[in-house]
């Protein structure tokens, strides 16, 4: 029987995957239209591409969390993903997952 916290971890990973996909879209928009954000064109493009790249890296990391097998290394990987969420708006969910 699978513990309930595994299901909650999968939901957490799916939510953060979608959140980081939104960051990719926002970064691409920022890179393509820097004048909308009232910043110099070079900086706006750089910031947008940086956001898109970081969003892609984190989205791939959290998407991988959805398909982890039940192995000790996967438990550590999941723990790292939970700890990444401890620094933002997902703090209550991350703390609850970390507790259980």
PDB file of N, CA and C in Angstrom:
ATOM      1  N   UNK A   1       0.839  -1.185   0.000  1.00  0.00           N
ATOM      2  CA  UNK A   1       0.000   0.000   0.000  1.00  0.00           C
ATOM      3  C   UNK A   1       0.884   1.249   0.000  1.00  0.00           C
ATOM      4  N   UNK A   2       0.548   2.202  -0.850  1.00  0.00           N
ATOM      5  CA  UNK A   2       1.334   3.411  -0.997  1.00  0.00           C
ATOM      6  C   UNK A   2       0.905   4.462   0.022  1.00  0.00           C
ATOM      7  N   UNK A   3       1.868   5.094   0.705  1.00  0.00           N
ATOM      8  CA  UNK A   3       1.506   6.142   1.666  1.00  0.00           C
ATOM      9  C   UNK A   3       0.861   7.339   0.960  1.00  0.00           C
ATOM     10  N   UNK A   4      -0.002   8.042   1.666  1.00  0.00           N
ATOM     11  CA  UNK A   4      -0.705   9.191   1.092  1.00  0.00           C
ATOM     12  C   UNK A   4       0.245  10.328   0.744  1.00  0.00           C
ATOM     13  N   UNK A   5       1.356  10.410   1.442  1.00  0.00           N
ATOM     14  CA  UNK A   5       2.293  11.498   1.182  1.00  0.00           C
ATOM     15  C   UNK A   5       2.898  11.384  -0.222  1.00  0.00           C
ATOM     16  N   UNK A   6       2.944  10.193  -0.793  1.00  0.00           N
ATOM     17  CA  UNK A   6       3.446  10.023  -2.157  1.00  0.00           C
ATOM     18  C   UNK A   6       2.510  10.726  -3.136  1.00  0.00           C
ATOM     19  N   UNK A   7       1.214  10.575  -2.946  1.00  0.00           N
ATOM     20  CA  UNK A   7       0.245  11.255  -3.801  1.00  0.00           C
ATOM     21  C   UNK A   7       0.368  12.771  -3.670  1.00  0.00           C
ATOM     22  N   UNK A   8       0.540  13.256  -2.447  1.00  0.00           N
ATOM     23  CA  UNK A   8       0.686  14.687  -2.231  1.00  0.00           C
ATOM     24  C   UNK A   8       1.985  15.209  -2.834  1.00  0.00           C
ATOM     25  N   UNK A   9       3.034  14.413  -2.791  1.00  0.00           N
ATOM     26  CA  UNK A   9       4.290  14.812  -3.417  1.00  0.00           C
ATOM     27  C   UNK A   9       4.122  14.916  -4.936  1.00  0.00           C
ATOM     28  N   UNK A  10       3.391  13.987  -5.528  1.00  0.00           N
ATOM     29  CA  UNK A  10       3.143  14.028  -6.978  1.00  0.00           C
ATOM     30  C   UNK A  10       2.341  15.290  -7.330  1.00  0.00           C
ATOM     31  N   UNK A  11       1.347  15.630  -6.512  1.00  0.00           N
ATOM     32  CA  UNK A  11       0.562  16.846  -6.754  1.00  0.00           C
ATOM     33  C   UNK A  11       1.444  18.091  -6.620  1.00  0.00           C
ATOM     34  N   UNK A  12       2.321  18.092  -5.629  1.00  0.00           N
ATOM     35  CA  UNK A  12       3.267  19.188  -5.414  1.00  0.00           C
ATOM     36  C   UNK A  12       4.188  19.328  -6.618  1.00  0.00           C
ATOM     37  N   UNK A  13       4.709  18.227  -7.120  1.00  0.00           N
ATOM     38  CA  UNK A  13       5.593  18.258  -8.283  1.00  0.00           C
ATOM     39  C   UNK A  13       4.851  18.742  -9.523  1.00  0.00           C
ATOM     40  N   UNK A  14       3.617  18.307  -9.700  1.00  0.00           N
ATOM     41  CA  UNK A  14       2.834  18.747 -10.857  1.00  0.00           C
ATOM     42  C   UNK A  14       2.551  20.245 -10.780  1.00  0.00           C
ATOM     43  N   UNK A  15       2.194  20.736  -9.610  1.00  0.00           N
ATOM     44  CA  UNK A  15       1.916  22.157  -9.446  1.00  0.00           C
ATOM     45  C   UNK A  15       3.156  22.990  -9.757  1.00  0.00           C
ATOM     46  N   UNK A  16       4.301  22.587  -9.226  1.00  0.00           N
ATOM     47  CA  UNK A  16       5.507  23.367  -9.464  1.00  0.00           C
ATOM     48  C   UNK A  16       5.999  23.235 -10.898  1.00  0.00           C
ATOM     49  N   UNK A  17       5.733  22.110 -11.537  1.00  0.00           N
ATOM     50  CA  UNK A  17       6.056  21.991 -12.956  1.00  0.00           C
ATOM     51  C   UNK A  17       5.248  23.005 -13.752  1.00  0.00           C
ATOM     52  N   UNK A  18       3.957  23.110 -13.468  1.00  0.00           N
ATOM     53  CA  UNK A  18       3.112  24.090 -14.158  1.00  0.00           C
ATOM     54  C   UNK A  18       3.540  25.524 -13.838  1.00  0.00           C
ATOM     55  N   UNK A  19       3.927  25.762 -12.604  1.00  0.00           N
ATOM     56  CA  UNK A  19       4.383  27.088 -12.210  1.00  0.00           C
ATOM     57  C   UNK A  19       5.640  27.484 -12.983  1.00  0.00           C
ATOM     58  N   UNK A  20       6.584  26.573 -13.104  1.00  0.00           N
ATOM     59  CA  UNK A  20       7.811  26.883 -13.828  1.00  0.00           C
ATOM     60  C   UNK A  20       7.588  26.931 -15.334  1.00  0.00           C
ATOM     61  N   UNK A  21       6.587  26.245 -15.854  1.00  0.00           N
ATOM     62  CA  UNK A  21       6.223  26.418 -17.265  1.00  0.00           C
ATOM     63  C   UNK A  21       5.694  27.831 -17.497  1.00  0.00           C
ATOM     64  N   UNK A  22       4.955  28.360 -16.532  1.00  0.00           N
ATOM     65  CA  UNK A  22       4.484  29.742 -16.620  1.00  0.00           C
ATOM     66  C   UNK A  22       5.663  30.720 -16.572  1.00  0.00           C
ATOM     67  N   UNK A  23       6.692  30.396 -15.801  1.00  0.00           N
ATOM     68  CA  UNK A  23       7.888  31.236 -15.752  1.00  0.00           C
ATOM     69  C   UNK A  23       8.586  31.244 -17.112  1.00  0.00           C
ATOM     70  N   UNK A  24       8.596  30.109 -17.797  1.00  0.00           N
ATOM     71  CA  UNK A  24       9.192  30.044 -19.132  1.00  0.00           C
ATOM     72  C   UNK A  24       8.433  30.966 -20.084  1.00  0.00           C
ATOM     73  N   UNK A  25       7.114  30.908 -20.051  1.00  0.00           N
ATOM     74  CA  UNK A  25       6.295  31.757 -20.929  1.00  0.00           C
ATOM     75  C   UNK A  25       6.525  33.234 -20.601  1.00  0.00           C
ATOM     76  N   UNK A  26       6.559  33.568 -19.335  1.00  0.00           N
ATOM     77  CA  UNK A  26       6.789  34.954 -18.923  1.00  0.00           C
ATOM     78  C   UNK A  26       8.176  35.420 -19.358  1.00  0.00           C
ATOM     79  N   UNK A  27       9.187  34.582 -19.181  1.00  0.00           N
ATOM     80  CA  UNK A  27      10.544  34.943 -19.604  1.00  0.00           C
ATOM     81  C   UNK A  27      10.641  35.125 -21.106  1.00  0.00           C
ATOM     82  N   UNK A  28       9.976  34.278 -21.869  1.00  0.00           N
ATOM     83  CA  UNK A  28       9.986  34.421 -23.326  1.00  0.00           C
ATOM     84  C   UNK A  28       9.281  35.710 -23.742  1.00  0.00           C
ATOM     85  N   UNK A  29       8.182  36.035 -23.081  1.00  0.00           N
ATOM     86  CA  UNK A  29       7.476  37.280 -23.367  1.00  0.00           C
ATOM     87  C   UNK A  29       8.352  38.476 -23.029  1.00  0.00           C
ATOM     88  N   UNK A  30       9.039  38.415 -21.905  1.00  0.00           N
ATOM     89  CA  UNK A  30       9.905  39.506 -21.488  1.00  0.00           C
ATOM     90  C   UNK A  30      11.070  39.682 -22.470  1.00  0.00           C
ATOM     91  N   UNK A  31      11.614  38.577 -22.956  1.00  0.00           N
ATOM     92  CA  UNK A  31      12.728  38.660 -23.894  1.00  0.00           C
ATOM     93  C   UNK A  31      12.287  39.199 -25.249  1.00  0.00           C
ATOM     94  N   UNK A  32      11.062  38.890 -25.646  1.00  0.00           N
ATOM     95  CA  UNK A  32      10.604  39.321 -26.963  1.00  0.00           C
ATOM     96  C   UNK A  32      10.077  40.758 -26.968  1.00  0.00           C
ATOM     97  N   UNK A  33       9.648  41.263 -25.823  1.00  0.00           N
ATOM     98  CA  UNK A  33       9.097  42.614 -25.743  1.00  0.00           C
ATOM     99  C   UNK A  33       9.665  43.378 -24.543  1.00  0.00           C
ATOM    100  N   UNK A  34      10.961  43.708 -24.564  1.00  0.00           N
ATOM    101  CA  UNK A  34      11.539  44.409 -23.405  1.00  0.00           C
ATOM    102  C   UNK A  34      11.001  45.816 -23.210  1.00  0.00           C
ATOM    103  N   UNK A  35      10.465  46.451 -24.263  1.00  0.00           N
ATOM    104  CA  UNK A  35       9.954  47.817 -24.120  1.00  0.00           C
ATOM    105  C   UNK A  35       8.699  47.869 -23.245  1.00  0.00           C
ATOM    106  N   UNK A  36       7.951  46.778 -23.189  1.00  0.00           N
ATOM    107  CA  UNK A  36       6.742  46.735 -22.359  1.00  0.00           C
ATOM    108  C   UNK A  36       7.104  46.885 -20.889  1.00  0.00           C
ATOM    109  N   UNK A  37       8.270  46.396 -20.505  1.00  0.00           N
ATOM    110  CA  UNK A  37       8.684  46.405 -19.099  1.00  0.00           C
ATOM    111  C   UNK A  37       9.537  47.617 -18.741  1.00  0.00           C
ATOM    112  N   UNK A  38       9.673  48.562 -19.681  1.00  0.00           N
ATOM    113  CA  UNK A  38      10.395  49.807 -19.458  1.00  0.00           C
ATOM    114  C   UNK A  38      11.793  49.590 -18.898  1.00  0.00           C
ATOM    115  N   UNK A  39      12.562  48.784 -19.587  1.00  0.00           N
ATOM    116  CA  UNK A  39      13.955  48.587 -19.230  1.00  0.00           C
ATOM    117  C   UNK A  39      14.766  48.563 -20.510  1.00  0.00           C
ATOM    118  N   UNK A  40      16.050  48.782 -20.403  1.00  0.00           N
ATOM    119  CA  UNK A  40      16.868  48.766 -21.620  1.00  0.00           C
ATOM    120  C   UNK A  40      16.722  47.444 -22.371  1.00  0.00           C
ATOM    121  N   UNK A  41      16.781  47.524 -23.705  1.00  0.00           N
ATOM    122  CA  UNK A  41      16.511  46.340 -24.519  1.00  0.00           C
ATOM    123  C   UNK A  41      17.468  45.194 -24.216  1.00  0.00           C
ATOM    124  N   UNK A  42      18.730  45.469 -24.079  1.00  0.00           N
ATOM    125  CA  UNK A  42      19.700  44.407 -23.796  1.00  0.00           C
ATOM    126  C   UNK A  42      19.445  43.732 -22.459  1.00  0.00           C
ATOM    127  N   UNK A  43      19.131  44.531 -21.430  1.00  0.00           N
ATOM    128  CA  UNK A  43      18.888  43.962 -20.111  1.00  0.00           C
ATOM    129  C   UNK A  43      17.576  43.184 -20.073  1.00  0.00           C
ATOM    130  N   UNK A  44      16.542  43.723 -20.700  1.00  0.00           N
ATOM    131  CA  UNK A  44      15.255  43.033 -20.728  1.00  0.00           C
ATOM    132  C   UNK A  44      15.353  41.696 -21.434  1.00  0.00           C
ATOM    133  N   UNK A  45      16.081  41.664 -22.539  1.00  0.00           N
ATOM    134  CA  UNK A  45      16.261  40.409 -23.272  1.00  0.00           C
ATOM    135  C   UNK A  45      17.065  39.412 -22.438  1.00  0.00           C
ATOM    136  N   UNK A  46      18.141  39.899 -21.790  1.00  0.00           N
ATOM    137  CA  UNK A  46      18.959  39.029 -20.941  1.00  0.00           C
ATOM    138  C   UNK A  46      18.149  38.469 -19.773  1.00  0.00           C
ATOM    139  N   UNK A  47      17.387  39.331 -19.124  1.00  0.00           N
ATOM    140  CA  UNK A  47      16.582  38.894 -17.984  1.00  0.00           C
ATOM    141  C   UNK A  47      15.513  37.898 -18.409  1.00  0.00           C
ATOM    142  N   UNK A  48      14.873  38.162 -19.535  1.00  0.00           N
ATOM    143  CA  UNK A  48      13.854  37.249 -20.034  1.00  0.00           C
ATOM    144  C   UNK A  48      14.430  35.882 -20.392  1.00  0.00           C
ATOM    145  N   UNK A  49      15.570  35.864 -21.052  1.00  0.00           N
ATOM    146  CA  UNK A  49      16.190  34.588 -21.408  1.00  0.00           C
ATOM    147  C   UNK A  49      16.682  33.838 -20.174  1.00  0.00           C
ATOM    148  N   UNK A  50      17.164  34.587 -19.177  1.00  0.00           N
ATOM    149  CA  UNK A  50      17.597  33.949 -17.933  1.00  0.00           C
ATOM    150  C   UNK A  50      16.405  33.317 -17.210  1.00  0.00           C
ATOM    151  N   UNK A  51      15.287  34.039 -17.146  1.00  0.00           N
ATOM    152  CA  UNK A  51      14.082  33.490 -16.526  1.00  0.00           C
ATOM    153  C   UNK A  51      13.605  32.243 -17.260  1.00  0.00           C
ATOM    154  N   UNK A  52      13.622  32.296 -18.587  1.00  0.00           N
ATOM    155  CA  UNK A  52      13.167  31.153 -19.374  1.00  0.00           C
ATOM    156  C   UNK A  52      14.083  29.948 -19.159  1.00  0.00           C
ATOM    157  N   UNK A  53      15.388  30.181 -19.103  1.00  0.00           N
ATOM    158  CA  UNK A  53      16.330  29.072 -18.907  1.00  0.00           C
ATOM    159  C   UNK A  53      16.175  28.450 -17.518  1.00  0.00           C
ATOM    160  N   UNK A  54      16.064  29.294 -16.496  1.00  0.00           N
ATOM    161  CA  UNK A  54      15.880  28.764 -15.137  1.00  0.00           C
ATOM    162  C   UNK A  54      14.532  28.064 -15.009  1.00  0.00           C
ATOM    163  N   UNK A  55      13.507  28.627 -15.628  1.00  0.00           N
ATOM    164  CA  UNK A  55      12.193  27.985 -15.612  1.00  0.00           C
ATOM    165  C   UNK A  55      12.236  26.620 -16.264  1.00  0.00           C
ATOM    166  N   UNK A  56      12.971  26.507 -17.369  1.00  0.00           N
ATOM    167  CA  UNK A  56      13.100  25.222 -18.054  1.00  0.00           C
ATOM    168  C   UNK A  56      13.824  24.200 -17.182  1.00  0.00           C
ATOM    169  N   UNK A  57      14.910  24.623 -16.545  1.00  0.00           N
ATOM    170  CA  UNK A  57      15.665  23.699 -15.685  1.00  0.00           C
ATOM    171  C   UNK A  57      14.812  23.199 -14.521  1.00  0.00           C
ATOM    172  N   UNK A  58      14.129  24.112 -13.851  1.00  0.00           N
ATOM    173  CA  UNK A  58      13.310  23.706 -12.708  1.00  0.00           C
ATOM    174  C   UNK A  58      12.079  22.914 -13.142  1.00  0.00           C
ATOM    175  N   UNK A  59      11.481  23.272 -14.281  1.00  0.00           N
ATOM    176  CA  UNK A  59      10.322  22.520 -14.771  1.00  0.00           C
ATOM    177  C   UNK A  59      10.712  21.082 -15.089  1.00  0.00           C
ATOM    178  N   UNK A  60      11.867  20.901 -15.709  1.00  0.00           N
ATOM    179  CA  UNK A  60      12.322  19.535 -16.009  1.00  0.00           C
ATOM    180  C   UNK A  60      12.613  18.762 -14.730  1.00  0.00           C
ATOM    181  N   UNK A  61      13.211  19.443 -13.747  1.00  0.00           N
ATOM    182  CA  UNK A  61      13.510  18.779 -12.480  1.00  0.00           C
ATOM    183  C   UNK A  61      12.262  18.333 -11.743  1.00  0.00           C
ATOM    184  N   UNK A  62      11.260  19.198 -11.687  1.00  0.00           N
ATOM    185  CA  UNK A  62      10.029  18.836 -10.994  1.00  0.00           C
ATOM    186  C   UNK A  62       9.188  17.863 -11.800  1.00  0.00           C
ATOM    187  N   UNK A  63       9.254  17.945 -13.133  1.00  0.00           N
ATOM    188  CA  UNK A  63       8.530  16.971 -13.963  1.00  0.00           C
ATOM    189  C   UNK A  63       9.122  15.580 -13.776  1.00  0.00           C
ATOM    190  N   UNK A  64      10.426  15.497 -13.603  1.00  0.00           N
ATOM    191  CA  UNK A  64      11.054  14.200 -13.337  1.00  0.00           C
ATOM    192  C   UNK A  64      10.559  13.627 -12.013  1.00  0.00           C
ATOM    193  N   UNK A  65      10.244  14.511 -11.065  1.00  0.00           N
ATOM    194  CA  UNK A  65       9.727  14.062  -9.781  1.00  0.00           C
ATOM    195  C   UNK A  65       8.394  13.337  -9.882  1.00  0.00           C
ATOM    196  N   UNK A  66       7.665  13.568 -10.961  1.00  0.00           N
ATOM    197  CA  UNK A  66       6.385  12.888 -11.149  1.00  0.00           C
ATOM    198  C   UNK A  66       6.558  11.410 -11.488  1.00  0.00           C
ATOM    199  N   UNK A  67       7.697  11.052 -12.053  1.00  0.00           N
ATOM    200  CA  UNK A  67       7.889   9.697 -12.559  1.00  0.00           C
ATOM    201  C   UNK A  67       8.954   8.908 -11.802  1.00  0.00           C
ATOM    202  N   UNK A  68       9.258   9.326 -10.593  1.00  0.00           N
ATOM    203  CA  UNK A  68      10.303   8.648  -9.822  1.00  0.00           C
ATOM    204  C   UNK A  68       9.843   7.277  -9.345  1.00  0.00           C
ATOM    205  N   UNK A  69      10.725   6.286  -9.421  1.00  0.00           N
ATOM    206  CA  UNK A  69      10.382   4.980  -8.843  1.00  0.00           C
ATOM    207  C   UNK A  69      10.547   5.033  -7.322  1.00  0.00           C
ATOM    208  N   UNK A  70      10.101   4.005  -6.657  1.00  0.00           N
ATOM    209  CA  UNK A  70      10.244   3.957  -5.192  1.00  0.00           C
ATOM    210  C   UNK A  70      11.575   3.301  -4.850  1.00  0.00           C
ATOM    211  N   UNK A  71      12.618   4.097  -4.900  1.00  0.00           N
ATOM    212  CA  UNK A  71      13.987   3.674  -4.603  1.00  0.00           C
ATOM    213  C   UNK A  71      14.611   4.671  -3.633  1.00  0.00           C
ATOM    214  N   UNK A  72      15.656   4.284  -2.912  1.00  0.00           N
ATOM    215  CA  UNK A  72      16.280   5.224  -1.969  1.00  0.00           C
ATOM    216  C   UNK A  72      16.815   6.504  -2.630  1.00  0.00           C
ATOM    217  N   UNK A  73      17.421   6.398  -3.809  1.00  0.00           N
ATOM    218  CA  UNK A  73      17.943   7.596  -4.469  1.00  0.00           C
ATOM    219  C   UNK A  73      16.804   8.528  -4.888  1.00  0.00           C
ATOM    220  N   UNK A  74      15.664   7.963  -5.241  1.00  0.00           N
ATOM    221  CA  UNK A  74      14.515   8.779  -5.629  1.00  0.00           C
ATOM    222  C   UNK A  74      13.943   9.501  -4.409  1.00  0.00           C
ATOM    223  N   UNK A  75      14.033   8.877  -3.245  1.00  0.00           N
ATOM    224  CA  UNK A  75      13.583   9.520  -2.019  1.00  0.00           C
ATOM    225  C   UNK A  75      14.437  10.757  -1.745  1.00  0.00           C
ATOM    226  N   UNK A  76      15.746  10.634  -1.945  1.00  0.00           N
ATOM    227  CA  UNK A  76      16.649  11.771  -1.742  1.00  0.00           C
ATOM    228  C   UNK A  76      16.357  12.864  -2.767  1.00  0.00           C
ATOM    229  N   UNK A  77      16.118  12.480  -4.009  1.00  0.00           N
ATOM    230  CA  UNK A  77      15.782  13.446  -5.059  1.00  0.00           C
ATOM    231  C   UNK A  77      14.500  14.196  -4.695  1.00  0.00           C
ATOM    232  N   UNK A  78      13.492  13.488  -4.236  1.00  0.00           N
ATOM    233  CA  UNK A  78      12.252  14.112  -3.811  1.00  0.00           C
ATOM    234  C   UNK A  78      12.461  15.043  -2.633  1.00  0.00           C
ATOM    235  N   UNK A  79      13.317  14.661  -1.719  1.00  0.00           N
ATOM    236  CA  UNK A  79      13.628  15.507  -0.573  1.00  0.00           C
ATOM    237  C   UNK A  79      14.288  16.809  -1.020  1.00  0.00           C
ATOM    238  N   UNK A  80      15.166  16.724  -1.996  1.00  0.00           N
ATOM    239  CA  UNK A  80      15.802  17.932  -2.534  1.00  0.00           C
ATOM    240  C   UNK A  80      14.759  18.826  -3.200  1.00  0.00           C
ATOM    241  N   UNK A  81      13.818  18.238  -3.948  1.00  0.00           N
ATOM    242  CA  UNK A  81      12.759  19.030  -4.574  1.00  0.00           C
ATOM    243  C   UNK A  81      11.892  19.725  -3.521  1.00  0.00           C
ATOM    244  N   UNK A  82      11.587  19.029  -2.467  1.00  0.00           N
ATOM    245  CA  UNK A  82      10.798  19.636  -1.392  1.00  0.00           C
ATOM    246  C   UNK A  82      11.566  20.793  -0.763  1.00  0.00           C
ATOM    247  N   UNK A  83      12.855  20.616  -0.540  1.00  0.00           N
ATOM    248  CA  UNK A  83      13.667  21.677   0.071  1.00  0.00           C
ATOM    249  C   UNK A  83      13.809  22.885  -0.840  1.00  0.00           C
ATOM    250  N   UNK A  84      13.777  22.683  -2.161  1.00  0.00           N
ATOM    251  CA  UNK A  84      13.814  23.815  -3.082  1.00  0.00           C
ATOM    252  C   UNK A  84      12.570  24.686  -2.878  1.00  0.00           C
ATOM    253  N   UNK A  85      11.451  24.079  -2.592  1.00  0.00           N
ATOM    254  CA  UNK A  85      10.218  24.824  -2.391  1.00  0.00           C
ATOM    255  C   UNK A  85      10.107  25.522  -1.052  1.00  0.00           C
ATOM    256  N   UNK A  86      11.071  25.334  -0.180  1.00  0.00           N
ATOM    257  CA  UNK A  86      11.007  25.959   1.146  1.00  0.00           C
ATOM    258  C   UNK A  86      11.277  27.455   1.127  1.00  0.00           C
ATOM    259  N   UNK A  87      11.680  28.008  -0.011  1.00  0.00           N
ATOM    260  CA  UNK A  87      12.056  29.417  -0.032  1.00  0.00           C
ATOM    261  C   UNK A  87      11.051  30.321  -0.723  1.00  0.00           C
ATOM    262  N   UNK A  88       9.853  29.867  -0.968  1.00  0.00           N
ATOM    263  CA  UNK A  88       8.921  30.702  -1.705  1.00  0.00           C
ATOM    264  C   UNK A  88       7.498  30.577  -1.210  1.00  0.00           C
ATOM    265  N   UNK A  89       6.586  30.777  -2.149  1.00  0.00           N
ATOM    266  CA  UNK A  89       5.166  30.773  -1.798  1.00  0.00           C
ATOM    267  C   UNK A  89       4.663  29.368  -1.481  1.00  0.00           C
ATOM    268  N   UNK A  90       5.443  28.354  -1.755  1.00  0.00           N
ATOM    269  CA  UNK A  90       5.031  26.981  -1.464  1.00  0.00           C
ATOM    270  C   UNK A  90       5.561  26.501  -0.115  1.00  0.00           C
ATOM    271  N   UNK A  91       6.021  27.416   0.708  1.00  0.00           N
ATOM    272  CA  UNK A  91       6.580  27.054   2.017  1.00  0.00           C
ATOM    273  C   UNK A  91       5.637  26.200   2.862  1.00  0.00           C
ATOM    274  N   UNK A  92       4.349  26.540   2.997  1.00  0.00           N
ATOM    275  CA  UNK A  92       3.482  25.693   3.833  1.00  0.00           C
ATOM    276  C   UNK A  92       3.362  24.255   3.306  1.00  0.00           C
ATOM    277  N   UNK A  93       3.279  24.119   1.987  1.00  0.00           N
ATOM    278  CA  UNK A  93       3.157  22.774   1.398  1.00  0.00           C
ATOM    279  C   UNK A  93       4.462  22.000   1.529  1.00  0.00           C
ATOM    280  N   UNK A  94       5.580  22.700   1.295  1.00  0.00           N
ATOM    281  CA  UNK A  94       6.882  22.046   1.416  1.00  0.00           C
ATOM    282  C   UNK A  94       7.146  21.600   2.852  1.00  0.00           C
ATOM    283  N   UNK A  95       6.797  22.464   3.799  1.00  0.00           N
ATOM    284  CA  UNK A  95       7.022  22.115   5.200  1.00  0.00           C
ATOM    285  C   UNK A  95       6.165  20.912   5.603  1.00  0.00           C
ATOM    286  N   UNK A  96       4.930  20.874   5.142  1.00  0.00           N
ATOM    287  CA  UNK A  96       4.064  19.750   5.472  1.00  0.00           C
ATOM    288  C   UNK A  96       4.599  18.454   4.850  1.00  0.00           C
ATOM    289  N   UNK A  97       5.039  18.528   3.594  1.00  0.00           N
ATOM    290  CA  UNK A  97       5.607  17.340   2.953  1.00  0.00           C
ATOM    291  C   UNK A  97       6.887  16.906   3.654  1.00  0.00           C
ATOM    292  N   UNK A  98       7.689  17.853   4.055  1.00  0.00           N
ATOM    293  CA  UNK A  98       8.931  17.531   4.750  1.00  0.00           C
ATOM    294  C   UNK A  98       8.650  16.886   6.101  1.00  0.00           C
ATOM    295  N   UNK A  99       7.608  17.331   6.773  1.00  0.00           N
ATOM    296  CA  UNK A  99       7.245  16.754   8.056  1.00  0.00           C
ATOM    297  C   UNK A  99       6.782  15.310   7.910  1.00  0.00           C
ATOM    298  N   UNK A 100       5.964  15.038   6.884  1.00  0.00           N
ATOM    299  CA  UNK A 100       5.432  13.697   6.718  1.00  0.00           C
ATOM    300  C   UNK A 100       6.363  12.825   5.913  1.00  0.00           C
TER     301      UNK A 100
END
